[in-house]
Amino acid sequence: MKYVRRAVYGLLLAATVNVVPGFFLAGSFWKPSFACFCDLALLGAYIFINLRPLPRTAPTRRIQRLAEGCELLELFAADVLWSLGIQSWFLWSLVSAPEVYGKILGTVLLDLALAALFLSVLFWNGMTRVYLTSVQLGVKHRLLAALCGWIPLVNIWYLVKIIRICRDEVEFETEKWELDAVRAESEICKTKYPLLMVHGVFFRDFRYLNYWGRIPKELIRNGATVYYGQQQSAAAVEDSGKELAERIRRIVEETGCEKVNIIAHSKGGLDSRAAIAHCGMARYVATLTTVNTPHRGCIFAEYLLGKAPEALRQKVAGAYNAALRKVGDPNPDFLAAVTDLTESACLRRNEVTPDDPGVIYESVMSYCKKARHGKFPLNMTYPVVKHFDGLNDGLVSVESAKWGERFTLLEPEGTRGISHGDVVDLNRENIRGFDVREFYVKLVADLKRRGY
């Protein structure tokens, strides 16, 4: 049925683009009233298809609009081919009959202009929908599409690429919703204790810009209760640990939940360990799962700090601290945060930060296979980290991240790696062979299964 509808819509649009603009010509060969009726009917079909290119089948309005945009762009591509063939044939017929061509030259030019207008409306209708609703296009593809649009042949290639990316997104997101709908009543992520998600260094828990991307919404949809660490973006590990300890106390007091399950990314894992070991939070924490956390530090960070001139370090730190005070950090300390991520600092801290026997410690790590697998600046830091630390995610090495009773190494299918940002869905990117949202659903479902 889908292909029948698409074929009918394509023919109607092709007829509109190539027949309606020629209504002056049509009036020369047909009765004007009949030509007018055909024009109005085709125009009505054209408007309807532009407004409703697809029946409502998608699970959300965003996915529906994205699917409609893809459909309109595919119809546009098909009608461009139809129009090129029809208009070429028509123009050749006129050139072969010069006695007619000279008399109707103005009408022919008007016909071509209106045909181009109809095609342009169809194109921009579809492109606007995908630009406003697609997550996977990102900034890069949007900018490249705008640039490639001015280059013949390249613009066709990039249009096909955009359609493919958006079609894949529609299919992927629809499958996610269908899966969640099937298991909605089971609440597989409804753990005994709520989740406390702790961010890494240089980021904050902003209300409208979630550090964890689409993950929390997916967990909540499957029954989880989610809280956020809300510590400063950059501070010494011990200071961040104190902030987390206060946050945990407040959650326990306000909800009566007794304990929390912590899922912490990057430096957030070190902050969480400090809160447990040095701030008396062991009795309030059931499990700690660290994700891409440099438990044994970063050799490359130590090297860079040692080589950077003092004046440069102070200048960068001053600029960062000033900027973060404006977005809510009361006392950011860039240098303290970076220093606490070095190998020597982490090894010293490990000696005085023992794991508590009453807390379950587990760790997760991913890695990139090539520098280009990480978004900027991770694609730049990856070779440097690889030189000093070995296999890494753009910032943290695999060996540094191993901690606790169970260690999980994420290895996607094919050649694609999973960067430091990918593992928390920072870029909202669907990675082939690794569904980041589903990974966290399974992680939390396993906590529930074990009684946490």
Protein backbone atom coordinates (compact mmCIF):
# COMPACT_ATOMS: atom_id res chain seq x y z
CA MET A 1 0.00 0.00 0.00
CA LYS A 2 2.86 2.36 0.80
CA TYR A 3 4.36 1.98 -2.67
CA VAL A 4 0.97 2.41 -4.38
CA ARG A 5 0.37 5.65 -2.47
CA ARG A 6 3.87 6.88 -3.28
CA ALA A 7 3.40 6.12 -6.99
CA VAL A 8 0.02 7.91 -7.09
CA TYR A 9 1.38 10.94 -5.22
CA GLY A 10 4.41 11.05 -7.50
CA LEU A 11 2.26 11.02 -10.64
CA LEU A 12 -0.06 13.70 -9.25
CA LEU A 13 2.86 15.94 -8.35
CA ALA A 14 4.50 15.35 -11.72
CA ALA A 15 1.26 16.25 -13.44
CA THR A 16 0.87 19.38 -11.32
CA VAL A 17 4.42 20.54 -11.93
CA ASN A 18 4.27 19.93 -15.67
CA VAL A 19 0.58 20.47 -16.57
CA VAL A 20 -0.77 23.21 -14.31
CA PRO A 21 1.91 25.76 -15.32
CA GLY A 22 0.90 25.19 -18.92
CA PHE A 23 -2.73 26.17 -18.41
CA PHE A 24 -2.38 28.83 -21.10
CA LEU A 25 -1.29 26.16 -23.54
CA ALA A 26 -4.03 23.85 -22.35
CA GLY A 27 -6.59 26.54 -23.07
CA SER A 28 -5.37 26.65 -26.65
CA PHE A 29 -6.15 22.99 -27.31
CA TRP A 30 -8.98 22.22 -24.87
CA LYS A 31 -12.07 24.05 -23.84
CA PRO A 32 -11.05 26.65 -21.21
CA SER A 33 -13.54 25.32 -18.64
CA PHE A 34 -12.12 21.80 -18.85
CA ALA A 35 -8.55 23.08 -18.59
CA CYS A 36 -9.50 25.16 -15.54
CA PHE A 37 -11.15 22.15 -13.86
CA CYS A 38 -8.03 20.01 -14.41
CA ASP A 39 -5.78 22.76 -13.11
CA LEU A 40 -7.84 23.24 -9.93
CA ALA A 41 -8.01 19.51 -9.27
CA LEU A 42 -4.27 19.07 -9.65
CA LEU A 43 -3.52 22.15 -7.55
CA GLY A 44 -5.76 20.75 -4.82
CA ALA A 45 -3.87 17.46 -4.92
CA TYR A 46 -0.55 19.33 -4.83
CA ILE A 47 -1.56 21.33 -1.74
CA PHE A 48 -2.94 18.24 0.01
CA ILE A 49 0.26 16.23 -0.58
CA ASN A 50 2.39 19.10 0.70
CA LEU A 51 0.29 19.33 3.84
CA ARG A 52 -0.26 15.60 4.40
CA PRO A 53 2.36 13.55 2.53
CA LEU A 54 1.92 10.58 4.90
CA PRO A 55 -0.90 9.16 7.02
CA ARG A 56 -0.34 9.47 10.77
CA THR A 57 1.58 6.30 11.65
CA ALA A 58 4.63 7.47 13.63
CA PRO A 59 4.58 7.22 17.45
CA THR A 60 5.46 10.89 18.09
CA ARG A 61 4.87 14.18 16.35
CA ARG A 62 8.61 14.72 15.82
CA ILE A 63 9.11 11.36 14.13
CA GLN A 64 5.96 11.92 12.04
CA ARG A 65 7.22 15.29 10.79
CA LEU A 66 10.63 13.79 10.06
CA ALA A 67 9.07 10.94 8.09
CA GLU A 68 6.94 13.45 6.16
CA GLY A 69 10.05 15.48 5.34
CA CYS A 70 11.79 12.38 3.97
CA GLU A 71 8.73 11.51 1.89
CA LEU A 72 8.54 15.01 0.39
CA LEU A 73 12.24 15.00 -0.49
CA GLU A 74 11.92 11.60 -2.16
CA LEU A 75 8.90 12.83 -4.13
CA PHE A 76 10.86 15.95 -5.07
CA ALA A 77 13.77 13.87 -6.37
CA ALA A 78 11.43 11.66 -8.41
CA ASP A 79 9.53 14.63 -9.85
CA VAL A 80 12.73 16.41 -10.83
CA LEU A 81 13.55 13.40 -13.01
CA TRP A 82 10.00 13.30 -14.40
CA SER A 83 10.06 17.03 -15.10
CA LEU A 84 13.43 16.95 -16.82
CA GLY A 85 12.16 14.26 -19.16
CA ILE A 86 8.80 15.88 -19.86
CA GLN A 87 10.11 19.43 -20.26
CA SER A 88 12.99 18.25 -22.47
CA TRP A 89 10.55 16.41 -24.72
CA PHE A 90 8.23 19.40 -24.82
CA LEU A 91 11.00 21.85 -25.67
CA TRP A 92 12.38 19.55 -28.34
CA SER A 93 8.94 19.31 -29.90
CA LEU A 94 8.68 23.09 -30.02
CA VAL A 95 12.17 23.53 -31.46
CA SER A 96 11.22 21.08 -34.18
CA ALA A 97 8.27 23.33 -35.05
CA PRO A 98 9.74 26.87 -35.20
CA GLU A 99 6.51 28.36 -36.58
CA VAL A 100 4.80 27.51 -33.26
CA TYR A 101 7.80 28.14 -31.02
CA GLY A 102 8.09 31.82 -31.86
CA LYS A 103 4.44 32.50 -31.08
CA ILE A 104 4.36 30.91 -27.63
CA LEU A 105 7.91 31.65 -26.36
CA GLY A 106 6.62 33.80 -23.48
CA THR A 107 4.18 31.11 -22.41
CA VAL A 108 6.92 28.47 -22.49
CA LEU A 109 9.15 30.58 -20.25
CA LEU A 110 6.26 31.11 -17.83
CA ASP A 111 5.59 27.38 -17.87
CA LEU A 112 9.22 26.64 -16.93
CA ALA A 113 9.26 29.31 -14.19
CA LEU A 114 6.08 27.99 -12.58
CA ALA A 115 7.32 24.40 -12.80
CA ALA A 116 10.51 25.45 -11.00
CA LEU A 117 8.40 27.24 -8.37
CA PHE A 118 6.27 24.15 -7.69
CA LEU A 119 9.37 21.99 -7.35
CA SER A 120 11.01 24.54 -5.05
CA VAL A 121 8.01 24.60 -2.72
CA LEU A 122 8.05 20.80 -2.57
CA PHE A 123 11.80 20.76 -1.83
CA TRP A 124 11.79 23.43 0.87
CA ASN A 125 8.72 21.95 2.51
CA GLY A 126 10.55 18.65 2.91
CA MET A 127 13.92 20.18 3.82
CA THR A 128 12.39 22.44 6.47
CA ARG A 129 10.70 19.47 8.15
CA VAL A 130 13.87 17.38 8.34
CA TYR A 131 16.01 20.33 9.45
CA LEU A 132 13.62 21.14 12.30
CA THR A 133 13.05 17.57 13.51
CA SER A 134 16.11 15.43 12.79
CA VAL A 135 18.58 14.73 15.58
CA GLN A 136 20.99 12.65 13.54
CA LEU A 137 21.69 15.32 10.91
CA GLY A 138 23.48 17.38 13.53
CA VAL A 139 25.16 20.69 12.78
CA LYS A 140 27.71 19.17 10.39
CA HIS A 141 25.25 17.69 7.90
CA ARG A 142 23.03 20.76 8.03
CA LEU A 143 25.94 23.06 7.15
CA LEU A 144 27.36 20.72 4.50
CA ALA A 145 23.95 20.35 2.89
CA ALA A 146 23.62 24.14 2.68
CA LEU A 147 27.05 24.39 1.05
CA CYS A 148 26.64 21.43 -1.30
CA GLY A 149 23.28 22.75 -2.46
CA TRP A 150 25.08 25.19 -4.75
CA ILE A 151 27.27 22.58 -6.46
CA PRO A 152 25.66 20.66 -9.37
CA LEU A 153 25.61 16.86 -9.03
CA VAL A 154 27.15 17.12 -5.54
CA ASN A 155 23.83 18.55 -4.33
CA ILE A 156 22.02 15.46 -5.64
CA TRP A 157 24.47 13.16 -3.88
CA TYR A 158 24.06 15.03 -0.60
CA LEU A 159 20.29 15.09 -0.90
CA VAL A 160 20.32 11.28 -1.17
CA LYS A 161 22.61 11.17 1.88
CA ILE A 162 20.25 13.36 3.94
CA ILE A 163 17.26 11.23 2.98
CA ARG A 164 19.12 8.06 3.99
CA ILE A 165 20.18 9.49 7.38
CA CYS A 166 16.67 10.68 8.16
CA ARG A 167 15.03 7.45 6.96
CA ASP A 168 17.34 5.46 9.23
CA GLU A 169 16.45 7.76 12.12
CA VAL A 170 12.73 7.33 11.55
CA GLU A 171 13.08 3.55 11.46
CA PHE A 172 15.36 3.41 14.52
CA GLU A 173 13.23 5.74 16.67
CA THR A 174 10.00 4.00 15.69
CA GLU A 175 11.45 0.63 16.70
CA LYS A 176 12.54 2.13 20.04
CA TRP A 177 9.03 3.34 20.77
CA GLU A 178 7.47 0.05 19.77
CA LEU A 179 9.88 -1.81 22.05
CA ASP A 180 9.11 0.50 24.97
CA ALA A 181 5.38 0.17 24.33
CA VAL A 182 5.62 -3.62 24.55
CA ARG A 183 7.51 -3.60 27.85
CA ALA A 184 5.90 -0.50 29.39
CA GLU A 185 3.90 -2.37 32.02
CA SER A 186 6.86 -4.49 33.17
CA GLU A 187 8.81 -1.36 34.29
CA ILE A 188 12.10 -3.19 33.86
CA CYS A 189 14.09 -0.18 35.14
CA LYS A 190 12.07 0.35 38.34
CA THR A 191 14.90 -0.38 40.77
CA LYS A 192 14.54 -0.68 44.54
CA TYR A 193 16.69 2.43 44.98
CA PRO A 194 16.56 5.51 42.71
CA LEU A 195 19.33 6.33 40.25
CA LEU A 196 21.76 9.18 40.84
CA MET A 197 23.45 10.11 37.56
CA VAL A 198 26.71 11.98 38.09
CA HIS A 199 28.27 14.01 35.27
CA GLY A 200 31.94 14.34 34.40
CA VAL A 201 34.33 17.27 34.38
CA PHE A 202 33.68 20.54 32.50
CA PHE A 203 29.92 19.97 32.27
CA ARG A 204 26.88 20.80 34.37
CA ASP A 205 23.42 19.36 34.89
CA PHE A 206 21.45 21.96 32.98
CA ARG A 207 17.68 21.73 32.95
CA TYR A 208 17.17 22.02 29.19
CA LEU A 209 20.50 20.57 28.00
CA ASN A 210 20.85 17.12 29.48
CA TYR A 211 24.42 15.86 29.87
CA TRP A 212 23.16 12.28 29.46
CA GLY A 213 21.33 12.97 26.20
CA ARG A 214 18.32 10.74 25.59
CA ILE A 215 19.28 8.19 28.25
CA PRO A 216 17.35 9.51 31.29
CA LYS A 217 14.08 9.83 29.37
CA GLU A 218 14.45 6.24 28.16
CA LEU A 219 15.12 5.01 31.70
CA ILE A 220 12.15 6.92 33.11
CA ARG A 221 9.93 5.57 30.33
CA ASN A 222 10.86 2.10 31.55
CA GLY A 223 10.12 2.80 35.20
CA ALA A 224 13.29 4.35 36.63
CA THR A 225 13.43 7.22 39.11
CA VAL A 226 16.32 9.51 38.15
CA TYR A 227 18.18 12.23 40.04
CA TYR A 228 21.29 14.18 39.04
CA GLY A 229 24.53 14.91 40.91
CA GLN A 230 24.43 18.69 40.31
CA GLN A 231 28.03 19.20 41.43
CA GLN A 232 30.17 21.95 39.94
CA SER A 233 31.65 21.45 36.51
CA ALA A 234 35.27 21.70 37.65
CA ALA A 235 36.64 21.28 41.16
CA ALA A 236 39.02 19.07 43.10
CA VAL A 237 37.77 15.50 43.55
CA GLU A 238 37.41 15.91 47.32
CA ASP A 239 35.40 19.12 46.92
CA SER A 240 33.11 17.52 44.35
CA GLY A 241 32.75 14.52 46.65
CA LYS A 242 31.48 16.79 49.42
CA GLU A 243 28.94 18.32 47.03
CA LEU A 244 27.74 14.85 46.01
CA ALA A 245 27.50 13.78 49.64
CA GLU A 246 25.20 16.69 50.38
CA ARG A 247 23.14 15.86 47.32
CA ILE A 248 22.77 12.21 48.40
CA ARG A 249 21.73 13.22 51.94
CA ARG A 250 19.07 15.53 50.55
CA ILE A 251 17.65 12.85 48.22
CA VAL A 252 17.50 10.27 51.02
CA GLU A 253 15.92 12.70 53.49
CA GLU A 254 13.34 14.05 51.04
CA THR A 255 12.29 10.71 49.54
CA GLY A 256 12.96 8.19 52.32
CA CYS A 257 14.59 5.91 49.73
CA GLU A 258 17.34 4.77 52.17
CA LYS A 259 19.96 4.39 49.41
CA VAL A 260 20.77 5.33 45.82
CA ASN A 261 22.34 3.57 42.83
CA ILE A 262 25.03 5.83 41.38
CA ILE A 263 25.89 5.82 37.68
CA ALA A 264 28.84 8.16 37.22
CA HIS A 265 30.71 9.19 34.09
CA SER A 266 34.36 10.20 33.79
CA LYS A 267 35.58 12.30 36.77
CA GLY A 268 32.12 11.81 38.29
CA GLY A 269 33.23 8.29 39.19
CA LEU A 270 36.18 9.65 41.19
CA ASP A 271 33.90 12.21 42.87
CA SER A 272 31.48 9.44 43.82
CA ARG A 273 34.21 7.24 45.30
CA ALA A 274 35.39 10.20 47.39
CA ALA A 275 31.85 10.83 48.64
CA ILE A 276 31.51 7.18 49.67
CA ALA A 277 34.94 6.76 51.29
CA HIS A 278 35.56 10.19 52.83
CA CYS A 279 32.13 11.74 53.41
CA GLY A 280 30.28 8.88 55.11
CA MET A 281 28.01 8.06 52.15
CA ALA A 282 28.65 4.30 52.14
CA ARG A 283 25.48 3.60 54.12
CA TYR A 284 23.44 5.58 51.57
CA VAL A 285 24.88 4.02 48.39
CA ALA A 286 23.84 0.56 47.20
CA THR A 287 25.87 0.43 43.97
CA LEU A 288 28.37 2.56 42.09
CA THR A 289 28.75 2.00 38.35
CA THR A 290 31.52 4.12 36.86
CA VAL A 291 31.51 4.78 33.12
CA ASN A 292 34.79 5.64 31.34
CA THR A 293 36.29 6.87 34.61
CA PRO A 294 40.10 7.38 34.86
CA HIS A 295 40.57 5.50 38.15
CA ARG A 296 44.33 5.25 37.52
CA GLY A 297 44.57 8.68 35.96
CA CYS A 298 45.67 9.99 32.60
CA ILE A 299 49.37 10.00 31.75
CA PHE A 300 48.81 12.42 28.88
CA ALA A 301 47.17 14.96 31.23
CA GLU A 302 50.22 14.84 33.49
CA TYR A 303 52.51 15.34 30.51
CA LEU A 304 50.54 18.32 29.20
CA LEU A 305 50.36 19.98 32.59
CA GLY A 306 54.08 19.52 33.04
CA LYS A 307 54.93 20.97 29.62
CA ALA A 308 52.47 23.88 29.57
CA PRO A 309 53.97 27.20 30.74
CA GLU A 310 52.61 28.46 34.04
CA ALA A 311 51.34 31.67 32.42
CA LEU A 312 49.33 29.67 29.86
CA ARG A 313 47.84 27.38 32.53
CA GLN A 314 46.75 30.33 34.63
CA LYS A 315 45.28 32.14 31.63
CA VAL A 316 43.21 29.13 30.51
CA ALA A 317 42.10 28.44 34.08
CA GLY A 318 41.12 32.06 34.65
CA ALA A 319 39.04 32.22 31.47
CA TYR A 320 37.28 28.94 32.24
CA ASN A 321 36.55 29.82 35.87
CA ALA A 322 35.17 33.23 34.91
CA ALA A 323 32.88 31.73 32.26
CA LEU A 324 31.53 28.99 34.53
CA ARG A 325 30.74 31.39 37.36
CA LYS A 326 28.34 33.07 34.95
CA VAL A 327 26.41 29.83 34.39
CA GLY A 328 26.05 28.86 38.03
CA ASP A 329 29.29 27.38 39.43
CA PRO A 330 29.93 29.11 42.79
CA ASN A 331 33.64 28.31 42.95
CA PRO A 332 35.02 26.53 39.84
CA ASP A 333 38.65 25.45 39.91
CA PHE A 334 39.91 24.34 36.51
CA LEU A 335 43.48 23.53 37.54
CA ALA A 336 42.44 21.53 40.60
CA ALA A 337 40.08 19.42 38.47
CA VAL A 338 42.68 18.73 35.77
CA THR A 339 45.44 18.02 38.28
CA ASP A 340 43.25 15.46 40.04
CA LEU A 341 42.93 13.54 36.75
CA THR A 342 46.67 12.97 36.35
CA GLU A 343 48.17 9.54 36.91
CA SER A 344 50.17 10.49 40.00
CA ALA A 345 47.22 12.20 41.68
CA CYS A 346 44.89 9.25 41.02
CA LEU A 347 47.38 6.65 42.24
CA ARG A 348 47.95 8.59 45.48
CA ARG A 349 44.20 8.95 45.98
CA ASN A 350 43.58 5.25 45.41
CA GLU A 351 45.84 4.45 48.36
CA VAL A 352 43.65 6.46 50.75
CA THR A 353 40.24 5.82 49.11
CA PRO A 354 39.38 2.18 49.75
CA ASP A 355 36.23 0.55 48.39
CA ASP A 356 33.57 0.06 51.05
CA PRO A 357 32.55 -3.60 51.50
CA GLY A 358 28.91 -2.57 51.76
CA VAL A 359 28.84 -0.99 48.30
CA ILE A 360 28.84 -2.83 44.96
CA TYR A 361 31.51 -1.32 42.66
CA GLU A 362 31.32 -1.97 38.90
CA SER A 363 32.81 -0.27 35.85
CA VAL A 364 32.14 0.21 32.15
CA MET A 365 34.53 1.37 29.44
CA SER A 366 34.42 2.01 25.69
CA TYR A 367 37.10 2.91 23.18
CA CYS A 368 37.67 4.43 19.76
CA LYS A 369 39.31 2.48 16.98
CA LYS A 370 40.28 5.59 15.03
CA ALA A 371 40.65 9.29 15.82
CA ARG A 372 37.75 10.25 13.55
CA HIS A 373 35.32 8.25 15.68
CA GLY A 374 35.36 11.02 18.27
CA LYS A 375 33.78 14.43 17.80
CA PHE A 376 35.94 17.50 18.24
CA PRO A 377 38.06 17.80 20.37
CA LEU A 378 38.23 14.05 21.08
CA ASN A 379 39.39 13.33 17.54
CA MET A 380 42.36 15.61 18.27
CA THR A 381 43.23 14.18 21.68
CA TYR A 382 42.82 10.51 20.69
CA PRO A 383 46.30 10.02 19.08
CA VAL A 384 47.97 11.87 21.96
CA VAL A 385 46.23 9.71 24.56
CA LYS A 386 47.01 6.59 22.53
CA HIS A 387 50.71 7.48 22.54
CA PHE A 388 50.84 7.84 26.33
CA ASP A 389 48.00 5.67 27.64
CA GLY A 390 47.21 3.14 24.91
CA LEU A 391 43.72 2.04 23.80
CA ASN A 392 41.34 4.87 24.73
CA ASP A 393 38.05 6.68 24.14
CA GLY A 394 39.65 10.01 23.26
CA LEU A 395 40.44 10.90 26.89
CA VAL A 396 40.61 7.82 29.14
CA SER A 397 42.49 4.58 28.60
CA VAL A 398 40.85 1.17 28.93
CA GLU A 399 43.32 0.07 31.60
CA SER A 400 42.67 3.16 33.69
CA ALA A 401 38.90 2.56 33.71
CA LYS A 402 38.90 -0.97 35.15
CA TRP A 403 37.48 -0.95 38.66
CA GLY A 404 35.31 -2.97 41.00
CA GLU A 405 33.81 -6.44 41.02
CA ARG A 406 32.72 -6.42 37.37
CA PHE A 407 34.17 -4.69 34.34
CA THR A 408 32.31 -4.33 31.02
CA LEU A 409 34.15 -3.38 27.84
CA LEU A 410 31.86 -2.03 25.11
CA GLU A 411 32.84 -3.18 21.64
CA PRO A 412 30.48 -2.19 18.80
CA GLU A 413 30.05 -4.13 15.61
CA GLY A 414 32.14 -3.20 12.58
CA THR A 415 34.86 -0.57 12.61
CA ARG A 416 33.04 2.17 14.56
CA GLY A 417 34.30 2.98 18.04
CA ILE A 418 32.51 4.54 21.03
CA SER A 419 34.06 7.77 22.27
CA HIS A 420 34.08 9.40 25.71
CA GLY A 421 31.08 11.48 24.64
CA ASP A 422 29.23 8.72 22.79
CA VAL A 423 28.97 6.56 25.91
CA VAL A 424 26.75 9.17 27.61
CA ASP A 425 24.88 10.09 24.40
CA LEU A 426 26.43 13.55 24.48
CA ASN A 427 26.02 13.91 20.69
CA ARG A 428 22.60 12.17 20.45
CA GLU A 429 24.03 9.99 17.69
CA ASN A 430 22.66 6.59 16.68
CA ILE A 431 25.73 4.40 16.34
CA ARG A 432 25.40 1.32 14.17
CA GLY A 433 25.92 -1.75 16.35
CA PHE A 434 25.59 0.12 19.66
CA ASP A 435 22.29 1.41 21.02
CA VAL A 436 23.42 3.61 23.91
CA ARG A 437 19.94 4.03 25.37
CA GLU A 438 19.26 0.31 25.31
CA PHE A 439 22.62 -0.34 26.96
CA TYR A 440 21.63 1.76 29.98
CA VAL A 441 18.17 0.18 30.08
CA LYS A 442 19.80 -3.25 30.33
CA LEU A 443 22.33 -2.00 32.89
CA VAL A 444 19.58 -0.65 35.15
CA ALA A 445 17.33 -3.67 34.53
CA ASP A 446 20.19 -5.83 35.78
CA LEU A 447 20.39 -3.74 38.96
CA LYS A 448 16.70 -4.33 39.49
CA ARG A 449 17.09 -8.06 38.86
CA ARG A 450 19.77 -8.23 41.57
CA GLY A 451 17.59 -6.44 44.08
CA TYR A 452 19.10 -2.96 44.00
